[in-house]
Amino acid sequence: MGENKTNGNILVELEEEMVEKIDHIVDAIGQFKSRDDFIELACHEFIVRRNPAAALLG
């Protein structure tokens, strides 16, 4: 049970770090309205790279 709690804490810390880094990128670039806009574009780009036909879906 203690191991799960430790893994959970690690995930929370990683999530916090990732949010901070994304916020920094969003602020530095100034191209995105919000963190969500950045994440949406990043996910779309990731999907298209893995499956180029996905670009046709918009």
PDB file of N, CA and C in Angstrom:
ATOM      1  N   MET A   1       0.820  -1.195   0.000  1.00  0.00           N
ATOM      2  CA  MET A   1       0.000   0.000   0.000  1.00  0.00           C
ATOM      3  C   MET A   1       0.866   1.262   0.000  1.00  0.00           C
ATOM      4  N   GLY A   2       1.980   1.214   0.742  1.00  0.00           N
ATOM      5  CA  GLY A   2       2.870   2.360   0.793  1.00  0.00           C
ATOM      6  C   GLY A   2       3.499   2.668  -0.554  1.00  0.00           C
ATOM      7  N   GLU A   3       3.751   1.620  -1.348  1.00  0.00           N
ATOM      8  CA  GLU A   3       4.353   1.817  -2.666  1.00  0.00           C
ATOM      9  C   GLU A   3       3.406   2.582  -3.580  1.00  0.00           C
ATOM     10  N   ASN A   4       2.115   2.271  -3.534  1.00  0.00           N
ATOM     11  CA  ASN A   4       1.146   2.985  -4.358  1.00  0.00           C
ATOM     12  C   ASN A   4       1.091   4.458  -3.990  1.00  0.00           C
ATOM     13  N   LYS A   5       1.168   4.744  -2.692  1.00  0.00           N
ATOM     14  CA  LYS A   5       1.140   6.133  -2.257  1.00  0.00           C
ATOM     15  C   LYS A   5       2.369   6.870  -2.781  1.00  0.00           C
ATOM     16  N   THR A   6       3.512   6.211  -2.729  1.00  0.00           N
ATOM     17  CA  THR A   6       4.744   6.818  -3.232  1.00  0.00           C
ATOM     18  C   THR A   6       4.633   7.067  -4.735  1.00  0.00           C
ATOM     19  N   ASN A   7       4.125   6.085  -5.472  1.00  0.00           N
ATOM     20  CA  ASN A   7       3.947   6.263  -6.916  1.00  0.00           C
ATOM     21  C   ASN A   7       2.966   7.390  -7.189  1.00  0.00           C
ATOM     22  N   GLY A   8       1.913   7.466  -6.391  1.00  0.00           N
ATOM     23  CA  GLY A   8       0.943   8.552  -6.547  1.00  0.00           C
ATOM     24  C   GLY A   8       1.584   9.905  -6.314  1.00  0.00           C
ATOM     25  N   ASN A   9       2.442   9.984  -5.301  1.00  0.00           N
ATOM     26  CA  ASN A   9       3.133  11.244  -5.017  1.00  0.00           C
ATOM     27  C   ASN A   9       4.062  11.635  -6.156  1.00  0.00           C
ATOM     28  N   ILE A  10       4.737  10.652  -6.713  1.00  0.00           N
ATOM     29  CA  ILE A  10       5.633  10.924  -7.840  1.00  0.00           C
ATOM     30  C   ILE A  10       4.834  11.448  -9.028  1.00  0.00           C
ATOM     31  N   LEU A  11       3.686  10.837  -9.299  1.00  0.00           N
ATOM     32  CA  LEU A  11       2.854  11.291 -10.415  1.00  0.00           C
ATOM     33  C   LEU A  11       2.362  12.717 -10.193  1.00  0.00           C
ATOM     34  N   VAL A  12       1.981  13.026  -8.965  1.00  0.00           N
ATOM     35  CA  VAL A  12       1.523  14.385  -8.651  1.00  0.00           C
ATOM     36  C   VAL A  12       2.656  15.383  -8.865  1.00  0.00           C
ATOM     37  N   GLU A  13       3.852  15.038  -8.412  1.00  0.00           N
ATOM     38  CA  GLU A  13       5.000  15.925  -8.591  1.00  0.00           C
ATOM     39  C   GLU A  13       5.324  16.118 -10.072  1.00  0.00           C
ATOM     40  N   LEU A  14       5.276  15.039 -10.844  1.00  0.00           N
ATOM     41  CA  LEU A  14       5.544  15.140 -12.281  1.00  0.00           C
ATOM     42  C   LEU A  14       4.491  15.996 -12.973  1.00  0.00           C
ATOM     43  N   GLU A  15       3.238  15.820 -12.576  1.00  0.00           N
ATOM     44  CA  GLU A  15       2.163  16.615 -13.161  1.00  0.00           C
ATOM     45  C   GLU A  15       2.369  18.096 -12.861  1.00  0.00           C
ATOM     46  N   GLU A  16       2.733  18.410 -11.620  1.00  0.00           N
ATOM     47  CA  GLU A  16       2.974  19.804 -11.244  1.00  0.00           C
ATOM     48  C   GLU A  16       4.122  20.398 -12.055  1.00  0.00           C
ATOM     49  N   GLU A  17       5.192  19.628 -12.218  1.00  0.00           N
ATOM     50  CA  GLU A  17       6.335  20.095 -13.012  1.00  0.00           C
ATOM     51  C   GLU A  17       5.936  20.331 -14.463  1.00  0.00           C
ATOM     52  N   MET A  18       5.159  19.405 -15.014  1.00  0.00           N
ATOM     53  CA  MET A  18       4.748  19.526 -16.404  1.00  0.00           C
ATOM     54  C   MET A  18       3.859  20.757 -16.601  1.00  0.00           C
ATOM     55  N   VAL A  19       2.939  20.986 -15.679  1.00  0.00           N
ATOM     56  CA  VAL A  19       2.065  22.153 -15.774  1.00  0.00           C
ATOM     57  C   VAL A  19       2.898  23.435 -15.714  1.00  0.00           C
ATOM     58  N   GLU A  20       3.864  23.487 -14.810  1.00  0.00           N
ATOM     59  CA  GLU A  20       4.734  24.666 -14.710  1.00  0.00           C
ATOM     60  C   GLU A  20       5.499  24.895 -16.008  1.00  0.00           C
ATOM     61  N   LYS A  21       6.023  23.823 -16.594  1.00  0.00           N
ATOM     62  CA  LYS A  21       6.796  23.952 -17.836  1.00  0.00           C
ATOM     63  C   LYS A  21       5.904  24.377 -18.996  1.00  0.00           C
ATOM     64  N   ILE A  22       4.716  23.814 -19.072  1.00  0.00           N
ATOM     65  CA  ILE A  22       3.783  24.200 -20.136  1.00  0.00           C
ATOM     66  C   ILE A  22       3.391  25.661 -19.969  1.00  0.00           C
ATOM     67  N   ASP A  23       3.089  26.079 -18.740  1.00  0.00           N
ATOM     68  CA  ASP A  23       2.741  27.483 -18.497  1.00  0.00           C
ATOM     69  C   ASP A  23       3.885  28.405 -18.909  1.00  0.00           C
ATOM     70  N   HIS A  24       5.112  27.998 -18.621  1.00  0.00           N
ATOM     71  CA  HIS A  24       6.280  28.797 -19.006  1.00  0.00           C
ATOM     72  C   HIS A  24       6.373  28.908 -20.530  1.00  0.00           C
ATOM     73  N   ILE A  25       6.174  27.803 -21.222  1.00  0.00           N
ATOM     74  CA  ILE A  25       6.217  27.809 -22.690  1.00  0.00           C
ATOM     75  C   ILE A  25       5.122  28.707 -23.247  1.00  0.00           C
ATOM     76  N   VAL A  26       3.907  28.570 -22.709  1.00  0.00           N
ATOM     77  CA  VAL A  26       2.775  29.371 -23.180  1.00  0.00           C
ATOM     78  C   VAL A  26       3.075  30.860 -22.990  1.00  0.00           C
ATOM     79  N   ASP A  27       3.605  31.223 -21.823  1.00  0.00           N
ATOM     80  CA  ASP A  27       3.933  32.629 -21.553  1.00  0.00           C
ATOM     81  C   ASP A  27       5.073  33.119 -22.440  1.00  0.00           C
ATOM     82  N   ALA A  28       6.094  32.295 -22.616  1.00  0.00           N
ATOM     83  CA  ALA A  28       7.277  32.705 -23.381  1.00  0.00           C
ATOM     84  C   ALA A  28       6.968  32.878 -24.862  1.00  0.00           C
ATOM     85  N   ILE A  29       6.197  31.972 -25.414  1.00  0.00           N
ATOM     86  CA  ILE A  29       5.903  32.024 -26.848  1.00  0.00           C
ATOM     87  C   ILE A  29       4.855  33.085 -27.150  1.00  0.00           C
ATOM     88  N   GLY A  30       3.850  33.183 -26.303  1.00  0.00           N
ATOM     89  CA  GLY A  30       2.805  34.174 -26.496  1.00  0.00           C
ATOM     90  C   GLY A  30       1.859  33.868 -27.644  1.00  0.00           C
ATOM     91  N   GLN A  31       1.954  32.675 -28.197  1.00  0.00           N
ATOM     92  CA  GLN A  31       1.142  32.295 -29.354  1.00  0.00           C
ATOM     93  C   GLN A  31      -0.175  31.639 -28.935  1.00  0.00           C
ATOM     94  N   PHE A  32      -0.240  31.176 -27.710  1.00  0.00           N
ATOM     95  CA  PHE A  32      -1.400  30.419 -27.257  1.00  0.00           C
ATOM     96  C   PHE A  32      -2.212  31.231 -26.260  1.00  0.00           C
ATOM     97  N   LYS A  33      -3.537  31.061 -26.313  1.00  0.00           N
ATOM     98  CA  LYS A  33      -4.414  31.769 -25.383  1.00  0.00           C
ATOM     99  C   LYS A  33      -4.341  31.174 -23.988  1.00  0.00           C
ATOM    100  N   SER A  34      -4.111  29.869 -23.940  1.00  0.00           N
ATOM    101  CA  SER A  34      -4.130  29.194 -22.642  1.00  0.00           C
ATOM    102  C   SER A  34      -3.321  27.907 -22.708  1.00  0.00           C
ATOM    103  N   ARG A  35      -3.140  27.313 -21.555  1.00  0.00           N
ATOM    104  CA  ARG A  35      -2.478  26.010 -21.452  1.00  0.00           C
ATOM    105  C   ARG A  35      -3.262  24.975 -22.251  1.00  0.00           C
ATOM    106  N   ASP A  36      -4.583  25.037 -22.185  1.00  0.00           N
ATOM    107  CA  ASP A  36      -5.415  24.066 -22.906  1.00  0.00           C
ATOM    108  C   ASP A  36      -5.203  24.146 -24.416  1.00  0.00           C
ATOM    109  N   ASP A  37      -5.059  25.359 -24.950  1.00  0.00           N
ATOM    110  CA  ASP A  37      -4.790  25.514 -26.386  1.00  0.00           C
ATOM    111  C   ASP A  37      -3.475  24.842 -26.770  1.00  0.00           C
ATOM    112  N   PHE A  38      -2.459  25.047 -25.938  1.00  0.00           N
ATOM    113  CA  PHE A  38      -1.158  24.431 -26.190  1.00  0.00           C
ATOM    114  C   PHE A  38      -1.271  22.913 -26.170  1.00  0.00           C
ATOM    115  N   ILE A  39      -1.944  22.383 -25.155  1.00  0.00           N
ATOM    116  CA  ILE A  39      -2.077  20.929 -25.015  1.00  0.00           C
ATOM    117  C   ILE A  39      -2.865  20.350 -26.185  1.00  0.00           C
ATOM    118  N   GLU A  40      -3.922  21.044 -26.605  1.00  0.00           N
ATOM    119  CA  GLU A  40      -4.723  20.566 -27.735  1.00  0.00           C
ATOM    120  C   GLU A  40      -3.873  20.473 -29.002  1.00  0.00           C
ATOM    121  N   LEU A  41      -3.079  21.504 -29.276  1.00  0.00           N
ATOM    122  CA  LEU A  41      -2.215  21.484 -30.455  1.00  0.00           C
ATOM    123  C   LEU A  41      -1.149  20.403 -30.339  1.00  0.00           C
ATOM    124  N   ALA A  42      -0.545  20.282 -29.168  1.00  0.00           N
ATOM    125  CA  ALA A  42       0.499  19.270 -28.969  1.00  0.00           C
ATOM    126  C   ALA A  42      -0.059  17.867 -29.179  1.00  0.00           C
ATOM    127  N   CYS A  43      -1.246  17.607 -28.661  1.00  0.00           N
ATOM    128  CA  CYS A  43      -1.862  16.283 -28.837  1.00  0.00           C
ATOM    129  C   CYS A  43      -2.175  16.028 -30.304  1.00  0.00           C
ATOM    130  N   HIS A  44      -2.693  17.042 -30.985  1.00  0.00           N
ATOM    131  CA  HIS A  44      -3.007  16.890 -32.406  1.00  0.00           C
ATOM    132  C   HIS A  44      -1.735  16.581 -33.199  1.00  0.00           C
ATOM    133  N   GLU A  45      -0.667  17.324 -32.929  1.00  0.00           N
ATOM    134  CA  GLU A  45       0.597  17.096 -33.633  1.00  0.00           C
ATOM    135  C   GLU A  45       1.134  15.695 -33.357  1.00  0.00           C
ATOM    136  N   PHE A  46       1.012  15.236 -32.129  1.00  0.00           N
ATOM    137  CA  PHE A  46       1.475  13.895 -31.766  1.00  0.00           C
ATOM    138  C   PHE A  46       0.692  12.836 -32.542  1.00  0.00           C
ATOM    139  N   ILE A  47      -0.618  12.995 -32.615  1.00  0.00           N
ATOM    140  CA  ILE A  47      -1.463  12.028 -33.321  1.00  0.00           C
ATOM    141  C   ILE A  47      -1.123  12.015 -34.811  1.00  0.00           C
ATOM    142  N   VAL A  48      -0.941  13.185 -35.394  1.00  0.00           N
ATOM    143  CA  VAL A  48      -0.637  13.272 -36.825  1.00  0.00           C
ATOM    144  C   VAL A  48       0.715  12.631 -37.130  1.00  0.00           C
ATOM    145  N   ARG A  49       1.683  12.813 -36.252  1.00  0.00           N
ATOM    146  CA  ARG A  49       2.991  12.188 -36.483  1.00  0.00           C
ATOM    147  C   ARG A  49       2.890  10.672 -36.449  1.00  0.00           C
ATOM    148  N   ARG A  50       2.062  10.167 -35.563  1.00  0.00           N
ATOM    149  CA  ARG A  50       1.916   8.715 -35.447  1.00  0.00           C
ATOM    150  C   ARG A  50       1.048   8.148 -36.563  1.00  0.00           C
ATOM    151  N   ASN A  51       0.118   8.949 -37.072  1.00  0.00           N
ATOM    152  CA  ASN A  51      -0.788   8.489 -38.116  1.00  0.00           C
ATOM    153  C   ASN A  51      -1.091   9.673 -39.042  1.00  0.00           C
ATOM    154  N   PRO A  52      -0.311   9.859 -40.091  1.00  0.00           N
ATOM    155  CA  PRO A  52      -0.491  11.017 -40.968  1.00  0.00           C
ATOM    156  C   PRO A  52      -1.903  11.160 -41.535  1.00  0.00           C
ATOM    157  N   ALA A  53      -2.629  10.074 -41.671  1.00  0.00           N
ATOM    158  CA  ALA A  53      -4.002  10.162 -42.176  1.00  0.00           C
ATOM    159  C   ALA A  53      -4.898  10.928 -41.211  1.00  0.00           C
ATOM    160  N   ALA A  54      -4.505  11.021 -39.954  1.00  0.00           N
ATOM    161  CA  ALA A  54      -5.301  11.751 -38.965  1.00  0.00           C
ATOM    162  C   ALA A  54      -5.368  13.240 -39.298  1.00  0.00           C
ATOM    163  N   ALA A  55      -4.426  13.736 -40.077  1.00  0.00           N
ATOM    164  CA  ALA A  55      -4.443  15.148 -40.470  1.00  0.00           C
ATOM    165  C   ALA A  55      -5.693  15.468 -41.274  1.00  0.00           C
ATOM    166  N   LEU A  56      -6.217  14.482 -41.960  1.00  0.00           N
ATOM    167  CA  LEU A  56      -7.426  14.689 -42.756  1.00  0.00           C
ATOM    168  C   LEU A  56      -8.658  14.875 -41.884  1.00  0.00           C
ATOM    169  N   LEU A  57      -8.576  14.420 -40.636  1.00  0.00           N
ATOM    170  CA  LEU A  57      -9.713  14.530 -39.723  1.00  0.00           C
ATOM    171  C   LEU A  57      -9.819  15.918 -39.107  1.00  0.00           C
ATOM    172  N   GLY A  58      -8.795  16.717 -39.256  1.00  0.00           N
ATOM    173  CA  GLY A  58      -8.860  18.086 -38.761  1.00  0.00           C
ATOM    174  C   GLY A  58      -8.151  18.215 -37.503  1.00  0.00           C
TER     175      GLY A  58
END
